[in-house]
PDB file of N, CA and C in Angstrom:
ATOM      1  N   MET A   1      13.023  30.364 -12.478  1.00  0.00           N
ATOM      2  CA  MET A   1      13.538  29.221 -12.138  1.00  0.00           C
ATOM      3  C   MET A   1      15.187  29.136 -11.193  1.00  0.00           C
ATOM      4  N   ARG A   2      15.112  28.869 -11.210  1.00  0.00           N
ATOM      5  CA  ARG A   2      16.377  29.679  -9.452  1.00  0.00           C
ATOM      6  C   ARG A   2      17.602  28.789 -10.495  1.00  0.00           C
ATOM      7  N   THR A   3      18.613  30.254  -9.888  1.00  0.00           N
ATOM      8  CA  THR A   3      20.540  29.760 -10.550  1.00  0.00           C
ATOM      9  C   THR A   3      21.042  29.088  -9.527  1.00  0.00           C
ATOM     10  N   ARG A   4      22.119  27.879  -9.522  1.00  0.00           N
ATOM     11  CA  ARG A   4      22.088  27.140  -9.285  1.00  0.00           C
ATOM     12  C   ARG A   4      24.010  27.779  -9.436  1.00  0.00           C
ATOM     13  N   TYR A   5      24.773  27.311  -8.257  1.00  0.00           N
ATOM     14  CA  TYR A   5      25.849  27.206  -8.734  1.00  0.00           C
ATOM     15  C   TYR A   5      26.378  26.131  -7.913  1.00  0.00           C
ATOM     16  N   VAL A   6      27.998  26.080  -8.593  1.00  0.00           N
ATOM     17  CA  VAL A   6      28.375  24.726  -8.305  1.00  0.00           C
ATOM     18  C   VAL A   6      29.869  24.837  -7.689  1.00  0.00           C
ATOM     19  N   ARG A   7      30.932  24.561  -7.133  1.00  0.00           N
ATOM     20  CA  ARG A   7      32.027  24.169  -7.053  1.00  0.00           C
ATOM     21  C   ARG A   7      33.446  23.651  -8.246  1.00  0.00           C
ATOM     22  N   ARG A   8      33.822  23.829  -9.266  1.00  0.00           N
ATOM     23  CA  ARG A   8      35.093  23.090  -9.645  1.00  0.00           C
ATOM     24  C   ARG A   8      36.122  23.958  -9.662  1.00  0.00           C
ATOM     25  N   ASN A   9      36.496  22.606 -10.124  1.00  0.00           N
ATOM     26  CA  ASN A   9      38.874  23.223  -9.563  1.00  0.00           C
ATOM     27  C   ASN A   9      38.357  24.825  -9.341  1.00  0.00           C
ATOM     28  N   GLY A  10      37.577  24.796  -7.722  1.00  0.00           N
ATOM     29  CA  GLY A  10      38.164  25.096  -6.555  1.00  0.00           C
ATOM     30  C   GLY A  10      37.690  26.285  -7.216  1.00  0.00           C
ATOM     31  N   ARG A  11      37.020  26.891  -8.284  1.00  0.00           N
ATOM     32  CA  ARG A  11      35.996  28.123  -8.793  1.00  0.00           C
ATOM     33  C   ARG A  11      34.690  27.894  -7.879  1.00  0.00           C
ATOM     34  N   ILE A  12      33.906  29.138  -8.095  1.00  0.00           N
ATOM     35  CA  ILE A  12      32.227  28.557  -7.976  1.00  0.00           C
ATOM     36  C   ILE A  12      31.787  29.572  -9.509  1.00  0.00           C
ATOM     37  N   VAL A  13      31.269  28.488 -10.247  1.00  0.00           N
ATOM     38  CA  VAL A  13      30.512  29.034 -11.215  1.00  0.00           C
ATOM     39  C   VAL A  13      29.349  28.333 -11.791  1.00  0.00           C
ATOM     40  N   LYS A  14      27.819  28.777 -12.725  1.00  0.00           N
ATOM     41  CA  LYS A  14      27.211  29.164 -12.654  1.00  0.00           C
ATOM     42  C   LYS A  14      26.674  26.895 -12.974  1.00  0.00           C
ATOM     43  N   LYS A  15      25.752  26.003 -12.292  1.00  0.00           N
ATOM     44  CA  LYS A  15      25.395  24.880 -12.801  1.00  0.00           C
ATOM     45  C   LYS A  15      24.780  25.007 -14.278  1.00  0.00           C
ATOM     46  N   VAL A  16      24.859  24.006 -14.939  1.00  0.00           N
ATOM     47  CA  VAL A  16      24.291  23.569 -15.870  1.00  0.00           C
ATOM     48  C   VAL A  16      23.288  22.819 -16.575  1.00  0.00           C
ATOM     49  N   SER A  17      22.124  22.951 -15.905  1.00  0.00           N
ATOM     50  CA  SER A  17      21.579  21.381 -16.021  1.00  0.00           C
ATOM     51  C   SER A  17      20.759  21.067 -17.922  1.00  0.00           C
ATOM     52  N   ASN A  18      21.244  19.693 -17.798  1.00  0.00           N
ATOM     53  CA  ASN A  18      20.984  18.691 -19.241  1.00  0.00           C
ATOM     54  C   ASN A  18      19.325  17.809 -18.668  1.00  0.00           C
ATOM     55  N   ALA A  19      18.543  18.820 -17.434  1.00  0.00           N
ATOM     56  CA  ALA A  19      17.451  17.745 -17.310  1.00  0.00           C
ATOM     57  C   ALA A  19      16.224  17.588 -18.268  1.00  0.00           C
ATOM     58  N   ALA A  20      16.129  18.986 -19.684  1.00  0.00           N
ATOM     59  CA  ALA A  20      14.991  18.942 -19.814  1.00  0.00           C
ATOM     60  C   ALA A  20      15.644  18.144 -20.663  1.00  0.00           C
ATOM     61  N   ALA A  21      16.902  17.732 -21.185  1.00  0.00           N
ATOM     62  CA  ALA A  21      17.076  16.794 -22.488  1.00  0.00           C
ATOM     63  C   ALA A  21      16.785  14.617 -21.866  1.00  0.00           C
ATOM     64  N   TYR A  22      16.235  15.306 -20.633  1.00  0.00           N
ATOM     65  CA  TYR A  22      16.746  13.327 -20.338  1.00  0.00           C
ATOM     66  C   TYR A  22      14.628  13.740 -20.233  1.00  0.00           C
ATOM     67  N   SER A  23      13.865  11.813 -20.529  1.00  0.00           N
ATOM     68  CA  SER A  23      12.275  12.525 -20.301  1.00  0.00           C
ATOM     69  C   SER A  23      12.303  11.055 -20.282  1.00  0.00           C
ATOM     70  N   ASN A  24      11.316  10.955 -19.452  1.00  0.00           N
ATOM     71  CA  ASN A  24      10.872   9.320 -19.059  1.00  0.00           C
ATOM     72  C   ASN A  24       8.992   9.363 -19.330  1.00  0.00           C
ATOM     73  N   VAL A  25       8.581   8.611 -20.457  1.00  0.00           N
ATOM     74  CA  VAL A  25       7.154   8.509 -21.041  1.00  0.00           C
ATOM     75  C   VAL A  25       7.051   6.930 -20.235  1.00  0.00           C
ATOM     76  N   MET A  26       5.512   6.604 -19.775  1.00  0.00           N
ATOM     77  CA  MET A  26       5.458   5.442 -19.101  1.00  0.00           C
ATOM     78  C   MET A  26       4.242   5.374 -20.040  1.00  0.00           C
ATOM     79  N   SER A  27       3.874   4.300 -20.399  1.00  0.00           N
ATOM     80  CA  SER A  27       2.663   3.897 -21.069  1.00  0.00           C
ATOM     81  C   SER A  27       1.925   3.840 -19.776  1.00  0.00           C
ATOM     82  N   ASP A  28       0.551   3.679 -20.544  1.00  0.00           N
ATOM     83  CA  ASP A  28      -0.765   3.763 -19.879  1.00  0.00           C
ATOM     84  C   ASP A  28      -1.059   1.859 -18.815  1.00  0.00           C
ATOM     85  N   ILE A  29      -1.633   2.062 -18.043  1.00  0.00           N
ATOM     86  CA  ILE A  29      -1.964   0.399 -17.565  1.00  0.00           C
ATOM     87  C   ILE A  29      -2.978   0.328 -18.481  1.00  0.00           C
ATOM     88  N   ALA A  30      -3.040  -1.220 -18.570  1.00  0.00           N
ATOM     89  CA  ALA A  30      -3.857  -1.920 -18.513  1.00  0.00           C
ATOM     90  C   ALA A  30      -5.181  -2.209 -18.492  1.00  0.00           C
ATOM     91  N   GLU A  31      -6.102  -2.259 -19.131  1.00  0.00           N
ATOM     92  CA  GLU A  31      -7.902  -2.624 -18.531  1.00  0.00           C
ATOM     93  C   GLU A  31      -7.658  -3.540 -17.505  1.00  0.00           C
ATOM     94  N   PHE A  32      -8.603  -3.243 -16.115  1.00  0.00           N
ATOM     95  CA  PHE A  32      -8.596  -4.050 -15.030  1.00  0.00           C
ATOM     96  C   PHE A  32      -9.773  -3.483 -14.681  1.00  0.00           C
ATOM     97  N   LYS A  33      -9.770  -5.131 -13.699  1.00  0.00           N
ATOM     98  CA  LYS A  33     -11.373  -4.293 -12.668  1.00  0.00           C
ATOM     99  C   LYS A  33     -11.148  -4.448 -11.590  1.00  0.00           C
ATOM    100  N   THR A  34     -11.780  -3.707 -10.513  1.00  0.00           N
ATOM    101  CA  THR A  34     -11.035  -3.878  -9.143  1.00  0.00           C
ATOM    102  C   THR A  34     -11.574  -4.966  -8.506  1.00  0.00           C
ATOM    103  N   GLN A  35     -11.593  -5.006  -6.709  1.00  0.00           N
ATOM    104  CA  GLN A  35     -11.855  -6.260  -6.325  1.00  0.00           C
ATOM    105  C   GLN A  35     -13.465  -5.911  -5.768  1.00  0.00           C
ATOM    106  N   ASP A  36     -14.319  -4.710  -6.358  1.00  0.00           N
ATOM    107  CA  ASP A  36     -15.642  -4.556  -6.181  1.00  0.00           C
ATOM    108  C   ASP A  36     -16.066  -4.397  -7.368  1.00  0.00           C
ATOM    109  N   GLY A  37     -15.403  -4.637  -8.742  1.00  0.00           N
ATOM    110  CA  GLY A  37     -15.873  -4.418  -9.776  1.00  0.00           C
ATOM    111  C   GLY A  37     -15.161  -3.479 -10.767  1.00  0.00           C
ATOM    112  N   THR A  38     -14.998  -2.403 -10.617  1.00  0.00           N
ATOM    113  CA  THR A  38     -14.840  -1.294 -11.007  1.00  0.00           C
ATOM    114  C   THR A  38     -13.883  -1.419 -12.133  1.00  0.00           C
ATOM    115  N   PRO A  39     -14.069  -0.640 -13.593  1.00  0.00           N
ATOM    116  CA  PRO A  39     -12.930  -1.627 -14.275  1.00  0.00           C
ATOM    117  C   PRO A  39     -12.485  -0.471 -14.835  1.00  0.00           C
ATOM    118  N   ILE A  40     -11.171  -0.372 -14.479  1.00  0.00           N
ATOM    119  CA  ILE A  40      -9.980   0.904 -14.217  1.00  0.00           C
ATOM    120  C   ILE A  40      -9.268   0.597 -15.833  1.00  0.00           C
ATOM    121  N   THR A  41      -9.362   1.792 -16.967  1.00  0.00           N
ATOM    122  CA  THR A  41      -8.481   1.598 -17.909  1.00  0.00           C
ATOM    123  C   THR A  41      -7.648   2.920 -17.906  1.00  0.00           C
ATOM    124  N   SER A  42      -7.275   3.440 -17.530  1.00  0.00           N
ATOM    125  CA  SER A  42      -6.458   4.753 -16.764  1.00  0.00           C
ATOM    126  C   SER A  42      -5.400   4.797 -16.069  1.00  0.00           C
ATOM    127  N   ARG A  43      -4.109   5.533 -15.807  1.00  0.00           N
ATOM    128  CA  ARG A  43      -4.073   5.965 -14.695  1.00  0.00           C
ATOM    129  C   ARG A  43      -4.399   7.195 -14.068  1.00  0.00           C
ATOM    130  N   SER A  44      -4.954   7.374 -14.561  1.00  0.00           N
ATOM    131  CA  SER A  44      -5.761   9.022 -13.972  1.00  0.00           C
ATOM    132  C   SER A  44      -7.355   8.613 -13.577  1.00  0.00           C
ATOM    133  N   GLN A  45      -8.251   7.291 -13.690  1.00  0.00           N
ATOM    134  CA  GLN A  45      -8.783   6.829 -13.154  1.00  0.00           C
ATOM    135  C   GLN A  45      -9.050   5.875 -12.585  1.00  0.00           C
ATOM    136  N   LEU A  46      -7.509   5.351 -11.997  1.00  0.00           N
ATOM    137  CA  LEU A  46      -6.788   4.231 -10.687  1.00  0.00           C
ATOM    138  C   LEU A  46      -6.671   5.419 -10.217  1.00  0.00           C
ATOM    139  N   ARG A  47      -6.158   6.750 -10.145  1.00  0.00           N
ATOM    140  CA  ARG A  47      -6.336   7.152  -8.739  1.00  0.00           C
ATOM    141  C   ARG A  47      -7.160   8.430  -8.322  1.00  0.00           C
ATOM    142  N   GLU A  48      -8.192   9.048  -9.545  1.00  0.00           N
ATOM    143  CA  GLU A  48      -9.520   9.469  -9.201  1.00  0.00           C
ATOM    144  C   GLU A  48      -9.753   8.017  -8.107  1.00  0.00           C
ATOM    145  N   TYR A  49     -10.010   6.505  -7.986  1.00  0.00           N
ATOM    146  CA  TYR A  49     -10.715   5.051  -7.837  1.00  0.00           C
ATOM    147  C   TYR A  49      -9.758   5.320  -6.349  1.00  0.00           C
ATOM    148  N   GLU A  50      -8.811   5.498  -6.262  1.00  0.00           N
ATOM    149  CA  GLU A  50      -8.002   6.303  -5.329  1.00  0.00           C
ATOM    150  C   GLU A  50      -8.742   6.328  -4.121  1.00  0.00           C
ATOM    151  N   LYS A  51      -8.421   7.637  -4.209  1.00  0.00           N
ATOM    152  CA  LYS A  51      -9.203   9.022  -3.474  1.00  0.00           C
ATOM    153  C   LYS A  51     -10.312   8.711  -3.316  1.00  0.00           C
ATOM    154  N   ARG A  52     -10.905   8.237  -4.376  1.00  0.00           N
ATOM    155  CA  ARG A  52     -12.788   7.687  -3.818  1.00  0.00           C
ATOM    156  C   ARG A  52     -12.210   6.568  -2.506  1.00  0.00           C
ATOM    157  N   MET A  53     -11.916   5.960  -2.673  1.00  0.00           N
ATOM    158  CA  MET A  53     -11.555   5.160  -1.826  1.00  0.00           C
ATOM    159  C   MET A  53     -10.731   4.949  -0.417  1.00  0.00           C
ATOM    160  N   GLY A  54      -9.926   6.033  -0.905  1.00  0.00           N
ATOM    161  CA  GLY A  54      -9.401   6.596   1.008  1.00  0.00           C
ATOM    162  C   GLY A  54      -8.485   5.771   1.099  1.00  0.00           C
ATOM    163  N   VAL A  55      -7.693   4.804  -0.668  1.00  0.00           N
ATOM    164  CA  VAL A  55      -6.360   4.622  -0.266  1.00  0.00           C
ATOM    165  C   VAL A  55      -5.385   4.675  -0.696  1.00  0.00           C
ATOM    166  N   ARG A  56      -4.020   3.727  -1.660  1.00  0.00           N
ATOM    167  CA  ARG A  56      -3.276   3.988  -2.541  1.00  0.00           C
ATOM    168  C   ARG A  56      -2.061   2.953  -2.413  1.00  0.00           C
ATOM    169  N   GLN A  57      -1.746   3.101  -2.977  1.00  0.00           N
ATOM    170  CA  GLN A  57      -0.661   2.241  -3.370  1.00  0.00           C
ATOM    171  C   GLN A  57       0.732   2.310  -2.585  1.00  0.00           C
ATOM    172  N   VAL A  58       1.272   1.233  -2.536  1.00  0.00           N
ATOM    173  CA  VAL A  58       2.567   1.487  -1.712  1.00  0.00           C
ATOM    174  C   VAL A  58       3.566   0.082  -2.459  1.00  0.00           C
ATOM    175  N   GLY A  59       4.698   0.168  -2.359  1.00  0.00           N
ATOM    176  CA  GLY A  59       5.683  -0.691  -3.227  1.00  0.00           C
ATOM    177  C   GLY A  59       5.078  -1.410  -3.728  1.00  0.00           C
ATOM    178  N   ASN A  60       5.800  -2.344  -4.282  1.00  0.00           N
ATOM    179  CA  ASN A  60       5.585  -3.841  -5.230  1.00  0.00           C
ATOM    180  C   ASN A  60       5.420  -4.506  -4.250  1.00  0.00           C
ATOM    181  N   ASP A  61       4.437  -5.161  -3.343  1.00  0.00           N
ATOM    182  CA  ASP A  61       4.314  -6.296  -2.538  1.00  0.00           C
ATOM    183  C   ASP A  61       4.113  -7.511  -3.241  1.00  0.00           C
ATOM    184  N   TRP A  62       5.122  -8.560  -3.425  1.00  0.00           N
ATOM    185  CA  TRP A  62       4.304 -10.079  -4.516  1.00  0.00           C
ATOM    186  C   TRP A  62       4.834 -11.040  -3.837  1.00  0.00           C
ATOM    187  N   THR A  63       3.588 -10.359  -2.082  1.00  0.00           N
ATOM    188  CA  THR A  63       3.314 -11.688  -1.697  1.00  0.00           C
ATOM    189  C   THR A  63       2.379 -12.698  -2.060  1.00  0.00           C
ATOM    190  N   GLY A  64       1.019 -12.344  -2.976  1.00  0.00           N
ATOM    191  CA  GLY A  64       0.189 -12.492  -3.436  1.00  0.00           C
ATOM    192  C   GLY A  64       1.224 -13.629  -4.336  1.00  0.00           C
ATOM    193  N   SER A  65       0.056 -14.624  -4.936  1.00  0.00           N
ATOM    194  CA  SER A  65       0.074 -15.429  -6.664  1.00  0.00           C
ATOM    195  C   SER A  65       0.118 -14.798  -7.418  1.00  0.00           C
ATOM    196  N   THR A  66       0.193 -13.408  -8.101  1.00  0.00           N
ATOM    197  CA  THR A  66       0.639 -13.042  -9.352  1.00  0.00           C
ATOM    198  C   THR A  66       2.681 -11.913  -9.156  1.00  0.00           C
ATOM    199  N   ARG A  67       3.112 -12.733  -7.903  1.00  0.00           N
ATOM    200  CA  ARG A  67       4.510 -12.595  -8.210  1.00  0.00           C
ATOM    201  C   ARG A  67       5.253 -12.921  -9.364  1.00  0.00           C
ATOM    202  N   PRO A  68       6.330 -12.041  -9.189  1.00  0.00           N
ATOM    203  CA  PRO A  68       6.959 -12.162 -11.245  1.00  0.00           C
ATOM    204  C   PRO A  68       8.188 -14.088 -10.130  1.00  0.00           C
ATOM    205  N   ALA A  69       8.440 -14.283 -10.855  1.00  0.00           N
ATOM    206  CA  ALA A  69       8.792 -15.394 -11.142  1.00  0.00           C
ATOM    207  C   ALA A  69      10.980 -15.942 -10.638  1.00  0.00           C
ATOM    208  N   PHE A  70      11.369 -14.274 -10.690  1.00  0.00           N
ATOM    209  CA  PHE A  70      12.651 -13.822  -9.873  1.00  0.00           C
ATOM    210  C   PHE A  70      12.631 -13.626  -8.308  1.00  0.00           C
ATOM    211  N   TRP A  71      11.473 -13.213  -7.832  1.00  0.00           N
ATOM    212  CA  TRP A  71      10.611 -13.481  -6.518  1.00  0.00           C
ATOM    213  C   TRP A  71      11.536 -14.332  -6.050  1.00  0.00           C
ATOM    214  N   ASP A  72      10.783 -15.749  -5.774  1.00  0.00           N
ATOM    215  CA  ASP A  72      11.674 -16.379  -5.203  1.00  0.00           C
ATOM    216  C   ASP A  72      12.101 -17.478  -5.185  1.00  0.00           C
ATOM    217  N   VAL A  73      13.558 -16.806  -6.202  1.00  0.00           N
ATOM    218  CA  VAL A  73      14.774 -16.940  -5.411  1.00  0.00           C
ATOM    219  C   VAL A  73      15.242 -15.431  -4.828  1.00  0.00           C
ATOM    220  N   HIS A  74      14.938 -15.137  -5.014  1.00  0.00           N
ATOM    221  CA  HIS A  74      15.554 -13.112  -4.312  1.00  0.00           C
ATOM    222  C   HIS A  74      14.788 -13.529  -3.132  1.00  0.00           C
ATOM    223  N   LEU A  75      13.937 -14.498  -2.390  1.00  0.00           N
ATOM    224  CA  LEU A  75      13.609 -14.852  -1.096  1.00  0.00           C
ATOM    225  C   LEU A  75      14.648 -15.839  -0.244  1.00  0.00           C
ATOM    226  N   GLU A  76      14.911 -16.911  -1.636  1.00  0.00           N
ATOM    227  CA  GLU A  76      16.076 -17.638  -1.816  1.00  0.00           C
ATOM    228  C   GLU A  76      17.216 -17.034  -0.226  1.00  0.00           C
ATOM    229  N   ARG A  77      17.646 -15.973  -1.390  1.00  0.00           N
ATOM    230  CA  ARG A  77      18.688 -15.725  -1.472  1.00  0.00           C
ATOM    231  C   ARG A  77      18.823 -14.362  -0.257  1.00  0.00           C
ATOM    232  N   MET A  78      18.172 -14.123  -0.173  1.00  0.00           N
ATOM    233  CA  MET A  78      17.629 -13.451   1.257  1.00  0.00           C
ATOM    234  C   MET A  78      17.843 -13.981   2.760  1.00  0.00           C
ATOM    235  N   LYS A  79      17.232 -15.625   2.256  1.00  0.00           N
ATOM    236  CA  LYS A  79      17.927 -16.422   3.688  1.00  0.00           C
ATOM    237  C   LYS A  79      18.605 -16.372   4.484  1.00  0.00           C
ATOM    238  N   GLY A  80      19.257 -15.707   3.771  1.00  0.00           N
ATOM    239  CA  GLY A  80      21.130 -16.404   4.043  1.00  0.00           C
ATOM    240  C   GLY A  80      21.514 -14.858   4.327  1.00  0.00           C
ATOM    241  N   SER A  81      21.137 -14.098   3.969  1.00  0.00           N
ATOM    242  CA  SER A  81      21.450 -12.776   4.040  1.00  0.00           C
ATOM    243  C   SER A  81      20.948 -11.708   5.162  1.00  0.00           C
ATOM    244  N   LYS A  82      21.657 -11.060   6.760  1.00  0.00           N
ATOM    245  CA  LYS A  82      21.127 -11.041   7.799  1.00  0.00           C
ATOM    246  C   LYS A  82      19.760  -9.596   7.809  1.00  0.00           C
ATOM    247  N   ILE A  83      19.784  -9.320   6.708  1.00  0.00           N
ATOM    248  CA  ILE A  83      18.314  -8.506   6.065  1.00  0.00           C
ATOM    249  C   ILE A  83      17.582  -9.369   5.743  1.00  0.00           C
ATOM    250  N   GLU A  84      16.391  -9.235   6.724  1.00  0.00           N
ATOM    251  CA  GLU A  84      14.798 -10.236   6.153  1.00  0.00           C
ATOM    252  C   GLU A  84      14.519  -9.570   4.764  1.00  0.00           C
ATOM    253  N   PRO A  85      13.634 -10.217   3.851  1.00  0.00           N
ATOM    254  CA  PRO A  85      12.667  -9.266   3.403  1.00  0.00           C
ATOM    255  C   PRO A  85      11.419  -8.665   3.626  1.00  0.00           C
TER     256      PRO A  85
END
């Protein structure tokens, strides 16, 4: 592991990381079928399916019928801003 140093109060000291104290555990995905009917029951199956099909997921595009309720409110708020959604 690489040793890192930071400047504190004008002195260079060894950086102590608490990264090991934090973790993020994600639950597995709910089972679903792809558009071609392939059943997907886990994240590993989804990764393998995407690799085999030559596709990948990008972002959270909620333009279809399954978008969350807050999305319409968000779009209305964005209409008045200079940033287009």
